[in-house]
Protein backbone atom coordinates (compact mmCIF):
# COMPACT_ATOMS: atom_id res chain seq x y z
CA MET A 1 107.42 8.47 -29.66
CA GLY A 2 109.81 9.22 -26.82
CA PHE A 3 107.60 11.39 -25.06
CA GLY A 4 104.84 8.39 -24.95
CA VAL A 5 106.83 6.27 -23.38
CA GLY A 6 107.82 8.63 -20.44
CA PHE A 7 103.79 9.45 -20.05
CA GLN A 8 103.51 5.63 -20.29
CA LEU A 9 106.11 5.07 -17.24
CA MET A 10 105.11 7.83 -15.60
CA ASN A 11 100.94 6.71 -15.43
CA ALA A 12 102.69 3.19 -14.36
CA VAL A 13 104.47 4.85 -11.93
CA PHE A 14 102.55 7.44 -9.76
CA PRO A 15 99.66 5.36 -8.85
CA LEU A 16 102.55 2.94 -7.24
CA LEU A 17 104.19 5.59 -5.28
CA PHE A 18 101.03 7.50 -4.26
CA LEU A 19 99.72 4.14 -2.96
CA ILE A 20 103.59 3.95 -0.94
CA VAL A 21 103.25 6.92 0.41
CA PHE A 22 99.29 6.60 1.61
CA VAL A 23 100.38 3.54 3.38
CA PHE A 24 103.26 5.18 4.98
CA VAL A 25 100.92 7.79 6.23
CA ILE A 26 98.47 5.12 7.52
CA SER A 27 101.01 2.97 9.44
CA THR A 28 102.46 5.70 10.82
CA ILE A 29 99.18 7.05 12.45
CA VAL A 30 97.93 3.41 13.60
CA GLY A 31 101.40 3.07 14.82
CA THR A 32 101.42 6.48 17.05
CA PHE A 33 97.79 5.35 18.61
CA VAL A 34 99.28 1.14 19.54
CA SER A 35 102.04 2.89 21.09
CA LYS A 36 99.82 5.37 23.41
CA ALA A 37 97.50 2.24 23.93
CA LYS A 38 100.42 -0.42 25.16
CA ARG A 39 101.62 2.82 27.63
CA GLU A 40 98.49 3.15 28.94
CA ARG A 41 97.40 -0.66 29.59
CA LYS A 42 101.05 -0.85 30.67
CA ASN A 43 100.49 2.09 33.19
CA ASP A 44 97.04 0.88 34.41
CA GLN A 45 98.29 -2.90 34.99
CA SER A 46 101.51 -0.79 36.99
CA PRO A 47 101.41 -0.87 40.78
CA ARG A 48 100.69 2.54 42.17
CA LEU A 49 103.39 3.64 44.22
CA THR A 50 104.66 6.46 46.72
CA ALA A 51 108.20 6.88 48.07
CA GLU A 52 110.25 9.44 49.78
CA ALA A 53 112.49 11.34 46.00
CA LYS A 54 114.11 14.49 45.36
CA VAL A 55 113.51 16.85 42.71
CA VAL A 56 116.91 16.83 40.42
CA SER A 57 115.70 18.36 37.93
CA LYS A 58 113.37 20.20 35.75
CA ARG A 59 112.88 20.47 31.90
CA MET A 60 110.70 21.81 29.58
CA GLN A 61 110.03 21.10 25.75
CA VAL A 62 108.18 23.67 23.45
CA GLY A 63 106.93 22.92 19.96
CA GLU A 64 104.64 24.60 17.49
CA ASN A 65 101.80 23.30 15.44
CA ARG A 66 100.51 24.76 12.31
CA HIS A 67 97.36 23.89 10.06
CA ARG A 68 96.20 25.42 6.91
CA HIS A 69 92.39 25.60 6.19
CA THR A 70 91.55 25.19 2.45
CA ASN A 71 88.34 27.00 2.32
CA ASP A 72 90.29 30.69 3.30
CA ASP A 73 93.96 29.79 3.05
CA MET A 74 94.69 30.83 6.11
CA MET A 75 97.63 29.34 8.55
CA HIS A 76 96.90 28.82 11.99
CA SER A 77 99.23 27.90 14.62
CA TYR A 78 99.49 27.29 18.50
CA ASN A 79 102.62 26.69 20.30
CA TYR A 80 102.54 23.70 23.34
CA SER A 81 104.95 23.01 26.09
CA LYS A 82 105.20 19.78 27.99
CA TYR A 83 106.94 19.84 31.35
CA PHE A 84 109.49 17.14 32.62
CA VAL A 85 110.70 16.58 36.09
CA THR A 86 113.31 14.33 36.90
CA PHE A 87 113.15 12.46 40.84
CA GLU A 88 115.18 10.73 42.43
CA PHE A 89 114.58 7.85 44.87
CA GLU A 90 116.74 7.32 48.29
CA SER A 91 118.39 4.30 46.65
CA GLY A 92 119.68 6.85 43.95
CA ASP A 93 117.95 5.82 40.96
CA ARG A 94 115.90 8.46 38.76
CA LEU A 95 112.57 8.83 37.04
CA GLU A 96 111.72 11.41 34.64
CA LEU A 97 108.17 11.94 34.20
CA ARG A 98 105.80 14.05 32.81
CA LEU A 99 103.57 16.74 34.81
CA PRO A 100 101.21 18.71 34.45
CA GLY A 101 102.13 22.77 33.75
CA ARG A 102 100.41 24.32 36.85
CA GLU A 103 102.29 20.83 38.61
CA TYR A 104 105.65 21.51 37.62
CA GLY A 105 105.72 25.48 38.06
CA LEU A 106 105.15 24.60 42.12
CA LEU A 107 108.45 22.55 42.11
CA THR A 108 111.84 23.41 42.63
CA GLU A 109 115.16 21.55 42.30
CA GLY A 110 116.07 20.09 45.88
CA ASP A 111 112.92 19.70 46.63
CA THR A 112 111.66 16.57 48.95
CA GLY A 113 108.80 14.70 49.08
CA LEU A 114 106.43 11.94 48.81
CA LEU A 115 106.41 10.92 45.04
CA THR A 116 103.12 9.18 43.55
CA PHE A 117 103.51 7.65 40.49
CA GLN A 118 101.54 4.56 38.47
CA GLY A 119 104.21 3.13 35.91
CA THR A 120 105.20 6.79 33.62
CA ARG A 121 102.00 8.28 34.82
CA TYR A 122 102.47 11.25 37.48
CA LEU A 123 99.92 10.90 40.34
CA GLY A 124 101.10 13.50 42.67
CA PHE A 125 104.19 15.15 44.79
CA ASP A 126 103.63 15.82 48.53
CA ARG A 127 106.40 18.58 49.25
CA ARG A 128 108.20 17.60 52.78
CA GLY A 129 110.86 20.10 52.07
CA THR A 130 112.23 23.09 50.23
CA ALA A 131 115.71 23.91 48.26
CA GLU A 132 117.87 25.60 50.35
CA PRO A 133 118.08 28.94 49.94
CA ALA A 134 120.81 30.76 48.34
CA SER A 135 123.35 31.78 50.59
CA GLU A 136 122.83 35.75 51.25
CA GLU A 137 126.66 36.57 51.83
CA PRO A 138 128.82 37.71 49.25
CA PRO A 139 131.11 35.71 47.67
CA ILE A 140 134.69 35.40 48.52
CA ARG A 141 136.64 37.38 45.74
CA SER A 142 140.22 35.87 45.10
CA THR A 143 143.29 38.50 45.00
CA GLU A 144 144.73 36.73 42.63
CA LYS A 145 146.33 37.72 39.03
CA LYS A 146 144.86 35.79 36.61
CA SER A 147 146.32 36.01 32.71
CA TRP A 148 142.96 37.82 31.37
CA ASP A 149 143.60 40.58 34.30
CA PRO A 150 144.01 43.78 32.66
CA GLU A 151 145.30 44.99 35.95
CA LEU A 152 148.77 42.59 35.06
C-alpha cells in the first residue's frame, strides 16, 4: 500500500521535473544566442573609431571543453584560449578588447599606437612606439641590515 503511493507520486513528479530542466536548458541556449546577436548588432551600429592608445595590460583565459561520443564511449576534449588586451587612451579612459592570438602575441605592455575599434570589436593596432627596454644596469644593493638577514 505504501509503495503504490510513492510510485504514483514519482510518476506525477518526474515529467514535471523533466519539463522544467528541458525548458531551462533551451532558454539558456536561446538566451546565449540572443545576447550574442544583440552585441554584434550594437557593434555594427557603433562608429568605427581610431585613437591614440597605450597597451596597459594583457590577459589570457584558458579553458577546456569535453565531449563524450555515445557510439564509441570515448571522451574527447580540446583546450581553448581567449586573449584580451586593455588599452588606455590619452584621456585616461580604458577599454578591454578581445584579440586574435596572433595579434595578442605581437603586443607588449607599454606599446603605443593607433587603436582601431568598433564598439567592443577590435579592428587593429598600428604600433608607433614600443615598451621601454629594461635597464641593463645592475640594481643597487642596499647595505642596510634587515631583521631577516642571517649576518645580523
